N, C-alpha and C. Protein backbone atom coordinates (compact mmCIF):
# COMPACT_ATOMS: atom_id res chain seq x y z
N UNK A 1 0.85 -1.18 0.00
CA UNK A 1 0.00 0.00 0.00
C UNK A 1 0.89 1.23 0.00
N UNK A 2 0.46 2.27 -0.67
CA UNK A 2 1.24 3.51 -0.74
C UNK A 2 0.32 4.70 -0.46
N UNK A 3 0.87 5.68 0.24
CA UNK A 3 0.15 6.93 0.45
C UNK A 3 0.38 7.84 -0.75
N UNK A 4 -0.38 8.90 -0.87
CA UNK A 4 -0.11 9.86 -1.94
C UNK A 4 1.32 10.41 -1.81
N UNK A 5 1.91 10.75 -2.93
CA UNK A 5 3.24 11.35 -2.93
C UNK A 5 3.13 12.74 -2.31
N UNK A 6 4.08 13.06 -1.44
CA UNK A 6 4.08 14.36 -0.76
C UNK A 6 5.27 15.19 -1.22
N UNK A 7 5.17 16.48 -0.96
CA UNK A 7 6.29 17.38 -1.18
C UNK A 7 6.82 17.80 0.18
N UNK A 8 8.14 17.67 0.37
CA UNK A 8 8.73 18.17 1.61
C UNK A 8 9.45 19.47 1.31
N UNK A 9 9.36 20.39 2.25
CA UNK A 9 10.05 21.67 2.13
C UNK A 9 11.20 21.64 3.13
N UNK A 10 12.40 21.88 2.64
CA UNK A 10 13.61 21.80 3.46
C UNK A 10 14.17 23.20 3.71
N UNK A 11 14.73 23.40 4.91
CA UNK A 11 15.45 24.63 5.24
C UNK A 11 16.67 24.23 6.06
N UNK A 12 17.83 24.59 5.57
CA UNK A 12 19.08 24.24 6.25
C UNK A 12 19.19 22.73 6.48
N UNK A 13 18.73 21.94 5.51
CA UNK A 13 18.85 20.49 5.60
C UNK A 13 17.84 19.83 6.52
N UNK A 14 16.84 20.58 6.97
CA UNK A 14 15.83 20.04 7.89
C UNK A 14 14.46 20.15 7.24
N UNK A 15 13.67 19.09 7.33
CA UNK A 15 12.30 19.14 6.81
C UNK A 15 11.48 20.04 7.71
N UNK A 16 10.95 21.11 7.14
CA UNK A 16 10.15 22.05 7.92
C UNK A 16 8.65 21.94 7.61
N UNK A 17 8.32 21.36 6.45
CA UNK A 17 6.92 21.32 6.04
C UNK A 17 6.70 20.15 5.09
N UNK A 18 5.52 19.54 5.19
CA UNK A 18 5.12 18.46 4.29
C UNK A 18 3.73 18.80 3.75
N UNK A 19 3.58 18.69 2.43
CA UNK A 19 2.29 18.97 1.78
C UNK A 19 1.83 17.69 1.09
N UNK A 20 0.61 17.28 1.41
CA UNK A 20 0.02 16.08 0.80
C UNK A 20 -1.31 16.45 0.17
N UNK A 21 -1.52 16.01 -1.07
CA UNK A 21 -0.55 15.43 -1.99
C UNK A 21 0.39 16.52 -2.52
N UNK A 22 1.49 16.09 -3.13
CA UNK A 22 2.45 17.05 -3.68
C UNK A 22 1.75 17.93 -4.70
N UNK A 23 1.78 19.26 -4.49
CA UNK A 23 1.09 20.15 -5.42
C UNK A 23 1.74 20.14 -6.80
N UNK A 24 0.92 20.25 -7.81
CA UNK A 24 1.37 20.37 -9.20
C UNK A 24 2.17 19.17 -9.70
N UNK A 25 2.07 18.03 -9.03
CA UNK A 25 2.75 16.82 -9.50
C UNK A 25 1.83 16.11 -10.49
N UNK A 26 2.28 15.93 -11.74
CA UNK A 26 1.43 15.23 -12.70
C UNK A 26 1.07 13.83 -12.21
N UNK A 27 -0.16 13.41 -12.45
CA UNK A 27 -0.64 12.12 -11.97
C UNK A 27 0.25 10.97 -12.45
N UNK A 28 0.70 11.05 -13.69
CA UNK A 28 1.55 9.98 -14.23
C UNK A 28 2.85 9.85 -13.43
N UNK A 29 3.45 10.97 -13.07
CA UNK A 29 4.70 10.94 -12.30
C UNK A 29 4.43 10.47 -10.87
N UNK A 30 3.31 10.85 -10.30
CA UNK A 30 2.95 10.40 -8.95
C UNK A 30 2.78 8.88 -8.95
N UNK A 31 2.10 8.34 -9.95
CA UNK A 31 1.92 6.89 -10.04
C UNK A 31 3.26 6.18 -10.24
N UNK A 32 4.14 6.79 -11.02
CA UNK A 32 5.47 6.22 -11.23
C UNK A 32 6.25 6.20 -9.91
N UNK A 33 6.15 7.26 -9.13
CA UNK A 33 6.85 7.32 -7.84
C UNK A 33 6.31 6.26 -6.88
N UNK A 34 4.99 6.12 -6.82
CA UNK A 34 4.40 5.10 -5.95
C UNK A 34 4.82 3.70 -6.39
N UNK A 35 4.81 3.44 -7.67
CA UNK A 35 5.22 2.12 -8.19
C UNK A 35 6.68 1.83 -7.86
N UNK A 36 7.52 2.84 -8.01
CA UNK A 36 8.94 2.68 -7.70
C UNK A 36 9.12 2.35 -6.21
N UNK A 37 8.41 3.06 -5.35
CA UNK A 37 8.52 2.81 -3.91
C UNK A 37 8.05 1.40 -3.56
N UNK A 38 6.94 0.97 -4.13
CA UNK A 38 6.42 -0.37 -3.85
C UNK A 38 7.38 -1.44 -4.38
N UNK A 39 7.97 -1.21 -5.54
CA UNK A 39 8.93 -2.15 -6.10
C UNK A 39 10.16 -2.26 -5.21
N UNK A 40 10.68 -1.11 -4.73
CA UNK A 40 11.84 -1.13 -3.84
C UNK A 40 11.53 -1.90 -2.56
N UNK A 41 10.38 -1.65 -1.97
CA UNK A 41 9.99 -2.35 -0.74
C UNK A 41 9.93 -3.85 -0.98
N UNK A 42 9.37 -4.24 -2.11
CA UNK A 42 9.26 -5.66 -2.43
C UNK A 42 10.63 -6.28 -2.66
N UNK A 43 11.46 -5.64 -3.46
CA UNK A 43 12.80 -6.17 -3.77
C UNK A 43 13.68 -6.26 -2.53
N UNK A 44 13.52 -5.33 -1.59
CA UNK A 44 14.32 -5.33 -0.38
C UNK A 44 13.73 -6.21 0.73
N UNK A 45 12.53 -6.74 0.48
CA UNK A 45 11.88 -7.59 1.48
C UNK A 45 11.47 -6.84 2.73
N UNK A 46 11.08 -5.58 2.56
CA UNK A 46 10.72 -4.74 3.70
C UNK A 46 9.41 -5.23 4.32
N UNK A 47 9.41 -5.33 5.64
CA UNK A 47 8.19 -5.61 6.39
C UNK A 47 7.97 -4.37 7.26
N UNK A 48 6.94 -3.61 6.96
CA UNK A 48 6.68 -2.38 7.69
C UNK A 48 6.74 -1.20 6.75
N UNK A 49 6.84 -0.03 7.31
CA UNK A 49 6.82 1.20 6.54
C UNK A 49 8.20 1.47 5.94
N UNK A 50 8.19 1.92 4.70
CA UNK A 50 9.41 2.35 4.01
C UNK A 50 9.15 3.74 3.46
N UNK A 51 9.93 4.72 3.94
CA UNK A 51 9.86 6.07 3.38
C UNK A 51 10.88 6.15 2.26
N UNK A 52 10.45 6.64 1.10
CA UNK A 52 11.32 6.75 -0.06
C UNK A 52 11.39 8.21 -0.47
N UNK A 53 12.59 8.78 -0.38
CA UNK A 53 12.79 10.18 -0.79
C UNK A 53 13.30 10.18 -2.23
N UNK A 54 12.59 10.93 -3.06
CA UNK A 54 12.92 10.99 -4.49
C UNK A 54 13.17 12.42 -4.92
N UNK A 55 14.00 12.56 -5.93
CA UNK A 55 14.17 13.83 -6.62
C UNK A 55 13.70 13.66 -8.05
N UNK A 56 13.01 14.67 -8.55
CA UNK A 56 12.62 14.69 -9.95
C UNK A 56 13.75 15.36 -10.73
N UNK A 57 14.25 14.67 -11.75
CA UNK A 57 15.32 15.23 -12.56
C UNK A 57 14.84 15.35 -14.00
N UNK A 58 15.39 16.33 -14.72
CA UNK A 58 15.06 16.53 -16.13
C UNK A 58 16.38 16.58 -16.90
N UNK A 59 16.51 15.70 -17.89
CA UNK A 59 17.75 15.65 -18.67
C UNK A 59 17.81 16.82 -19.65
N UNK A 60 18.97 16.98 -20.28
CA UNK A 60 19.14 18.04 -21.29
C UNK A 60 18.16 17.86 -22.44
N UNK A 61 17.75 16.61 -22.66
CA UNK A 61 16.78 16.31 -23.73
C UNK A 61 15.34 16.51 -23.27
N UNK A 62 15.15 16.90 -22.01
CA UNK A 62 13.80 17.14 -21.50
C UNK A 62 13.11 15.91 -20.96
N UNK A 63 13.85 14.83 -20.73
CA UNK A 63 13.26 13.60 -20.21
C UNK A 63 13.24 13.67 -18.69
N UNK A 64 12.05 13.47 -18.11
CA UNK A 64 11.88 13.49 -16.66
C UNK A 64 12.10 12.10 -16.10
N UNK A 65 12.85 12.02 -15.01
CA UNK A 65 13.03 10.74 -14.33
C UNK A 65 13.10 10.98 -12.83
N UNK A 66 12.99 9.90 -12.09
CA UNK A 66 13.04 9.97 -10.64
C UNK A 66 14.34 9.38 -10.14
N UNK A 67 14.95 10.05 -9.18
CA UNK A 67 16.21 9.62 -8.60
C UNK A 67 15.96 9.33 -7.12
N UNK A 68 16.30 8.12 -6.68
CA UNK A 68 16.14 7.76 -5.28
C UNK A 68 17.28 8.39 -4.49
N UNK A 69 16.92 9.17 -3.47
CA UNK A 69 17.92 9.84 -2.64
C UNK A 69 18.12 9.13 -1.31
N UNK A 70 17.03 8.67 -0.69
CA UNK A 70 17.14 8.08 0.64
C UNK A 70 16.03 7.09 0.87
N UNK A 71 16.33 6.04 1.62
CA UNK A 71 15.34 5.06 2.06
C UNK A 71 15.37 5.01 3.58
N UNK A 72 14.22 5.03 4.21
CA UNK A 72 14.13 4.91 5.66
C UNK A 72 13.14 3.79 5.96
N UNK A 73 13.63 2.69 6.48
CA UNK A 73 12.79 1.52 6.75
C UNK A 73 12.20 1.59 8.14
N UNK A 74 11.28 2.57 8.32
CA UNK A 74 10.65 2.81 9.61
C UNK A 74 9.62 3.92 9.41
N UNK A 75 8.71 4.10 10.37
CA UNK A 75 7.89 5.30 10.33
C UNK A 75 8.81 6.53 10.30
N UNK A 76 8.41 7.52 9.54
CA UNK A 76 9.30 8.65 9.25
C UNK A 76 8.58 9.96 9.49
N UNK A 77 9.33 10.99 9.93
CA UNK A 77 8.74 12.30 10.19
C UNK A 77 7.95 12.84 9.00
N UNK A 78 8.42 12.57 7.78
CA UNK A 78 7.73 13.11 6.60
C UNK A 78 6.34 12.52 6.41
N UNK A 79 6.01 11.48 7.16
CA UNK A 79 4.67 10.88 7.05
C UNK A 79 3.85 11.05 8.33
N UNK A 80 4.27 11.90 9.24
CA UNK A 80 3.47 12.16 10.44
C UNK A 80 2.11 12.78 10.07
N UNK A 81 2.02 13.38 8.90
CA UNK A 81 0.75 13.96 8.46
C UNK A 81 -0.34 12.89 8.38
N UNK A 82 0.05 11.61 8.25
CA UNK A 82 -0.94 10.53 8.10
C UNK A 82 -1.73 10.28 9.38
N UNK A 83 -1.26 10.82 10.52
CA UNK A 83 -1.99 10.61 11.78
C UNK A 83 -3.42 11.12 11.64
N UNK A 84 -3.60 12.33 11.13
CA UNK A 84 -4.94 12.86 10.88
C UNK A 84 -5.32 12.83 9.40
N UNK A 85 -4.34 12.82 8.52
CA UNK A 85 -4.60 13.03 7.10
C UNK A 85 -4.85 11.79 6.27
N UNK A 86 -4.79 10.61 6.88
CA UNK A 86 -5.00 9.38 6.13
C UNK A 86 -5.93 8.46 6.91
N UNK A 87 -6.66 7.63 6.19
CA UNK A 87 -7.55 6.66 6.85
C UNK A 87 -6.74 5.74 7.76
N UNK A 88 -5.49 5.43 7.36
CA UNK A 88 -4.61 4.60 8.17
C UNK A 88 -3.28 5.35 8.31
N UNK A 89 -2.87 5.60 9.54
CA UNK A 89 -1.61 6.31 9.77
C UNK A 89 -0.43 5.38 9.48
N UNK A 90 0.74 5.99 9.32
CA UNK A 90 1.94 5.19 9.10
C UNK A 90 2.23 4.28 10.30
N UNK A 91 1.87 4.70 11.51
CA UNK A 91 2.14 3.91 12.70
C UNK A 91 1.25 2.66 12.73
N UNK A 92 -0.04 2.86 12.44
CA UNK A 92 -0.94 1.71 12.39
C UNK A 92 -0.54 0.78 11.25
N UNK A 93 -0.20 1.34 10.10
CA UNK A 93 0.18 0.52 8.94
C UNK A 93 1.42 -0.31 9.25
N UNK A 94 2.38 0.30 9.95
CA UNK A 94 3.60 -0.41 10.32
C UNK A 94 3.25 -1.63 11.19
N UNK A 95 2.39 -1.41 12.18
CA UNK A 95 1.97 -2.53 13.03
C UNK A 95 1.22 -3.59 12.24
N UNK A 96 0.34 -3.17 11.34
CA UNK A 96 -0.38 -4.14 10.52
C UNK A 96 0.60 -5.02 9.73
N UNK A 97 1.62 -4.40 9.17
CA UNK A 97 2.59 -5.16 8.37
C UNK A 97 3.39 -6.13 9.25
N UNK A 98 3.87 -5.63 10.38
CA UNK A 98 4.68 -6.48 11.27
C UNK A 98 3.86 -7.64 11.82
N UNK A 99 2.58 -7.39 12.09
CA UNK A 99 1.71 -8.43 12.62
C UNK A 99 1.09 -9.31 11.53
N UNK A 100 1.43 -9.03 10.27
CA UNK A 100 0.92 -9.77 9.12
C UNK A 100 -0.60 -9.66 9.00
N UNK A 101 -1.11 -8.46 9.29
CA UNK A 101 -2.52 -8.16 9.11
C UNK A 101 -2.70 -7.50 7.74
N UNK A 102 -3.92 -7.50 7.21
CA UNK A 102 -4.15 -6.79 5.94
C UNK A 102 -3.82 -5.30 6.07
N UNK A 103 -3.31 -4.72 5.00
CA UNK A 103 -2.98 -3.30 5.00
C UNK A 103 -4.25 -2.46 5.09
N UNK A 104 -4.14 -1.31 5.76
CA UNK A 104 -5.25 -0.39 5.88
C UNK A 104 -5.32 0.53 4.68
N UNK A 105 -6.43 1.24 4.56
CA UNK A 105 -6.61 2.18 3.46
C UNK A 105 -5.68 3.38 3.63
N UNK A 106 -5.08 3.81 2.53
CA UNK A 106 -4.16 4.95 2.57
C UNK A 106 -4.79 6.20 1.95
N UNK A 107 -6.10 6.19 1.76
CA UNK A 107 -6.76 7.36 1.20
C UNK A 107 -6.72 8.51 2.21
N UNK A 108 -6.68 9.71 1.68
CA UNK A 108 -6.62 10.90 2.52
C UNK A 108 -7.98 11.22 3.13
N UNK A 109 -7.96 11.84 4.31
CA UNK A 109 -9.20 12.24 4.99
C UNK A 109 -9.66 13.63 4.59
N UNK A 110 -8.83 14.35 3.85
CA UNK A 110 -9.15 15.69 3.34
C UNK A 110 -8.40 15.85 2.02
N UNK A 111 -8.87 16.74 1.16
CA UNK A 111 -8.17 16.93 -0.12
C UNK A 111 -6.72 17.40 0.03
N UNK A 112 -6.44 18.19 1.09
CA UNK A 112 -5.09 18.74 1.29
C UNK A 112 -4.75 18.64 2.78
N UNK A 113 -3.51 18.22 3.04
CA UNK A 113 -3.00 18.16 4.40
C UNK A 113 -1.62 18.82 4.40
N UNK A 114 -1.41 19.71 5.35
CA UNK A 114 -0.10 20.35 5.52
C UNK A 114 0.34 20.13 6.96
N UNK A 115 1.57 19.63 7.10
CA UNK A 115 2.18 19.43 8.40
C UNK A 115 3.42 20.32 8.48
N UNK A 116 3.51 21.11 9.55
CA UNK A 116 4.68 21.96 9.77
C UNK A 116 5.37 21.48 11.03
N UNK A 117 6.66 21.19 10.93
CA UNK A 117 7.42 20.73 12.08
C UNK A 117 7.70 21.87 13.04
N UNK A 118 7.64 21.56 14.32
CA UNK A 118 8.04 22.49 15.37
C UNK A 118 9.50 22.21 15.67
N UNK A 119 10.33 23.21 15.49
CA UNK A 119 11.76 23.04 15.70
C UNK A 119 12.17 23.70 17.01
N UNK A 120 13.03 23.02 17.75
CA UNK A 120 13.51 23.54 19.01
C UNK A 120 14.40 24.75 18.82
N UNK A 121 14.46 25.55 19.86
CA UNK A 121 15.32 26.72 19.87
C UNK A 121 16.33 26.60 20.99
N UNK A 122 16.80 27.70 21.48
CA UNK A 122 17.82 27.70 22.51
C UNK A 122 17.26 27.58 23.92
N UNK A 123 15.97 27.82 24.09
CA UNK A 123 15.44 27.83 25.45
C UNK A 123 14.07 27.16 25.51
N UNK A 124 13.75 26.66 26.70
CA UNK A 124 12.43 26.05 26.92
C UNK A 124 11.40 27.16 27.02
N UNK A 125 10.17 26.84 26.67
CA UNK A 125 9.10 27.83 26.68
C UNK A 125 8.18 27.59 27.88
N UNK A 126 8.21 28.47 28.87
CA UNK A 126 7.35 28.27 30.04
C UNK A 126 5.87 28.56 29.73
N UNK A 127 5.58 29.19 28.60
CA UNK A 127 4.20 29.55 28.27
C UNK A 127 3.54 28.60 27.28
N UNK A 128 4.10 27.42 27.06
CA UNK A 128 3.57 26.53 26.04
C UNK A 128 2.12 26.15 26.30
N UNK A 129 1.75 25.85 27.55
CA UNK A 129 0.36 25.49 27.85
C UNK A 129 -0.59 26.62 27.48
N UNK A 130 -0.21 27.87 27.83
CA UNK A 130 -1.05 29.02 27.49
C UNK A 130 -1.14 29.18 25.97
N UNK A 131 -0.02 28.99 25.30
CA UNK A 131 -0.01 29.12 23.83
C UNK A 131 -0.89 28.06 23.18
N UNK A 132 -0.86 26.84 23.69
CA UNK A 132 -1.73 25.80 23.14
C UNK A 132 -3.20 26.18 23.33
N UNK A 133 -3.52 26.69 24.50
CA UNK A 133 -4.89 27.12 24.78
C UNK A 133 -5.32 28.22 23.80
N UNK A 134 -4.45 29.21 23.60
CA UNK A 134 -4.76 30.31 22.69
C UNK A 134 -4.87 29.82 21.25
N UNK A 135 -3.97 28.94 20.85
CA UNK A 135 -3.97 28.42 19.48
C UNK A 135 -5.26 27.66 19.19
N UNK A 136 -5.64 26.77 20.09
CA UNK A 136 -6.85 25.98 19.86
C UNK A 136 -8.10 26.85 19.92
N UNK A 137 -8.06 27.93 20.70
CA UNK A 137 -9.18 28.86 20.71
C UNK A 137 -9.31 29.59 19.38
N UNK A 138 -8.19 29.88 18.77
CA UNK A 138 -8.19 30.61 17.49
C UNK A 138 -8.48 29.68 16.31
N UNK A 139 -7.94 28.46 16.33
CA UNK A 139 -8.14 27.51 15.23
C UNK A 139 -8.31 26.11 15.80
N UNK A 140 -9.53 25.76 16.23
CA UNK A 140 -9.75 24.47 16.87
C UNK A 140 -9.55 23.27 15.93
N UNK A 141 -9.43 23.51 14.63
CA UNK A 141 -9.22 22.42 13.69
C UNK A 141 -7.78 21.97 13.57
N UNK A 142 -6.84 22.73 14.13
CA UNK A 142 -5.44 22.33 14.07
C UNK A 142 -5.18 21.15 14.99
N UNK A 143 -4.24 20.32 14.61
CA UNK A 143 -3.80 19.20 15.44
C UNK A 143 -2.34 19.44 15.79
N UNK A 144 -2.01 19.30 17.06
CA UNK A 144 -0.65 19.53 17.54
C UNK A 144 -0.15 18.25 18.20
N UNK A 145 1.05 17.86 17.85
CA UNK A 145 1.70 16.70 18.46
C UNK A 145 3.05 17.17 19.01
N UNK A 146 3.25 16.98 20.30
CA UNK A 146 4.53 17.32 20.94
C UNK A 146 5.21 16.01 21.30
N UNK A 147 6.51 15.92 21.01
CA UNK A 147 7.23 14.66 21.16
C UNK A 147 7.88 14.47 22.53
N UNK A 148 7.86 15.49 23.39
CA UNK A 148 8.47 15.36 24.70
C UNK A 148 9.99 15.36 24.68
N UNK A 149 10.57 15.88 23.61
CA UNK A 149 12.03 15.92 23.47
C UNK A 149 12.60 17.17 24.11
N UNK A 150 13.86 17.08 24.52
CA UNK A 150 14.59 18.25 25.01
C UNK A 150 14.77 19.22 23.85
N UNK A 151 14.54 20.50 24.12
CA UNK A 151 14.68 21.51 23.07
C UNK A 151 16.14 21.74 22.73
N UNK A 152 16.47 21.57 21.46
CA UNK A 152 17.79 21.88 20.94
C UNK A 152 17.58 22.60 19.62
N UNK A 153 18.42 23.54 19.28
CA UNK A 153 18.24 24.27 18.02
C UNK A 153 18.13 23.32 16.82
N UNK A 154 17.05 23.50 16.05
CA UNK A 154 16.83 22.72 14.84
C UNK A 154 16.26 21.33 15.05
N UNK A 155 16.12 20.88 16.28
CA UNK A 155 15.58 19.55 16.56
C UNK A 155 14.07 19.54 16.41
N UNK A 156 13.53 18.51 15.76
CA UNK A 156 12.08 18.38 15.62
C UNK A 156 11.50 17.95 16.97
N UNK A 157 10.69 18.83 17.55
CA UNK A 157 10.12 18.56 18.87
C UNK A 157 8.61 18.37 18.82
N UNK A 158 8.03 18.49 17.63
CA UNK A 158 6.60 18.32 17.46
C UNK A 158 6.19 18.76 16.08
N UNK A 159 4.87 18.73 15.84
CA UNK A 159 4.37 19.22 14.55
C UNK A 159 2.93 19.69 14.69
N UNK A 160 2.54 20.54 13.74
CA UNK A 160 1.18 21.06 13.64
C UNK A 160 0.63 20.61 12.30
N UNK A 161 -0.58 20.07 12.30
CA UNK A 161 -1.21 19.60 11.07
C UNK A 161 -2.53 20.33 10.85
N UNK A 162 -2.74 20.74 9.60
CA UNK A 162 -4.00 21.36 9.19
C UNK A 162 -4.54 20.59 7.99
N UNK A 163 -5.86 20.50 7.90
CA UNK A 163 -6.53 19.80 6.80
C UNK A 163 -7.54 20.75 6.17
N UNK A 164 -7.81 20.56 4.88
CA UNK A 164 -8.80 21.37 4.21
C UNK A 164 -8.81 21.12 2.72
N UNK A 165 -9.37 22.08 1.98
CA UNK A 165 -9.46 21.90 0.53
C UNK A 165 -8.83 23.02 -0.28
N UNK A 166 -8.21 24.00 0.39
CA UNK A 166 -7.55 25.10 -0.28
C UNK A 166 -6.10 25.14 0.18
N UNK A 167 -5.16 24.85 -0.74
CA UNK A 167 -3.75 24.73 -0.37
C UNK A 167 -3.23 25.97 0.36
N UNK A 168 -3.48 27.14 -0.17
CA UNK A 168 -2.95 28.36 0.45
C UNK A 168 -3.49 28.53 1.87
N UNK A 169 -4.77 28.28 2.06
CA UNK A 169 -5.39 28.43 3.38
C UNK A 169 -4.88 27.38 4.37
N UNK A 170 -4.80 26.13 3.93
CA UNK A 170 -4.34 25.06 4.82
C UNK A 170 -2.88 25.30 5.21
N UNK A 171 -2.07 25.70 4.24
CA UNK A 171 -0.66 25.99 4.51
C UNK A 171 -0.54 27.17 5.49
N UNK A 172 -1.34 28.22 5.28
CA UNK A 172 -1.30 29.39 6.17
C UNK A 172 -1.66 28.99 7.60
N UNK A 173 -2.69 28.17 7.76
CA UNK A 173 -3.11 27.76 9.09
C UNK A 173 -2.03 26.95 9.80
N UNK A 174 -1.42 26.00 9.10
CA UNK A 174 -0.39 25.16 9.72
C UNK A 174 0.84 26.00 10.08
N UNK A 175 1.24 26.86 9.17
CA UNK A 175 2.41 27.72 9.43
C UNK A 175 2.15 28.68 10.58
N UNK A 176 0.95 29.27 10.61
CA UNK A 176 0.60 30.20 11.68
C UNK A 176 0.63 29.51 13.03
N UNK A 177 0.05 28.30 13.09
CA UNK A 177 0.04 27.55 14.35
C UNK A 177 1.44 27.23 14.84
N UNK A 178 2.29 26.74 13.95
CA UNK A 178 3.65 26.39 14.35
C UNK A 178 4.43 27.63 14.78
N UNK A 179 4.27 28.71 14.03
CA UNK A 179 4.98 29.96 14.35
C UNK A 179 4.55 30.48 15.73
N UNK A 180 3.25 30.46 15.98
CA UNK A 180 2.76 30.94 17.27
C UNK A 180 3.28 30.09 18.43
N UNK A 181 3.27 28.77 18.27
CA UNK A 181 3.76 27.92 19.35
C UNK A 181 5.25 28.16 19.61
N UNK A 182 6.00 28.42 18.57
CA UNK A 182 7.45 28.63 18.71
C UNK A 182 7.77 30.01 19.28
N UNK A 183 7.06 31.04 18.85
CA UNK A 183 7.47 32.40 19.18
C UNK A 183 6.50 33.15 20.09
N UNK A 184 5.25 32.71 20.15
CA UNK A 184 4.24 33.46 20.90
C UNK A 184 3.68 34.62 20.11
N UNK A 185 4.04 34.70 18.82
CA UNK A 185 3.56 35.79 17.95
C UNK A 185 2.72 35.22 16.82
N UNK A 186 1.63 35.89 16.50
CA UNK A 186 0.80 35.48 15.36
C UNK A 186 1.39 36.01 14.08
N UNK A 187 1.41 35.19 13.05
CA UNK A 187 1.80 35.65 11.72
C UNK A 187 0.73 36.58 11.20
N UNK A 188 1.12 37.57 10.43
CA UNK A 188 0.13 38.44 9.79
C UNK A 188 -0.61 37.63 8.75
N UNK A 189 -1.94 37.78 8.70
CA UNK A 189 -2.72 37.02 7.72
C UNK A 189 -3.30 37.90 6.67
């Protein structure tokens, strides 16, 4: 089973945002990427979740191809969006595979899902509980997951997920939520 192909947004070598499905990705290329991932999992004898990072390349002749950059044979941060955004999350799917149960449905629960990672800074935030209260009061549809990790600069310590049907709006909501939790300041809308 494969989830829709996503686009990850990187900053300084760290995944800061995931958009599902990947915007503006032609359906033929998305199907090719899913087929490639399933073939790799089968050939490697993977039991459980396999995250496949791909790059789209275009030759001088204009031929598009996919280049495998990384394989992660485990639940992966880039698929945390599946917790709310898919009928079956990557965590449940991993357990289903390990237990030899039938795979769950990988269909999305909304047309668009955006997950923004919360990155640690130099100091702990004593106002996080208040910020969560304020955030949920402002946008009760956001989902926040905190990992309980020690804050270190650039470390993924949680994520904010938004769902909807308008990419710009869903992206704005997820980014606003993550920014507010990190800084205590609302992004201008």
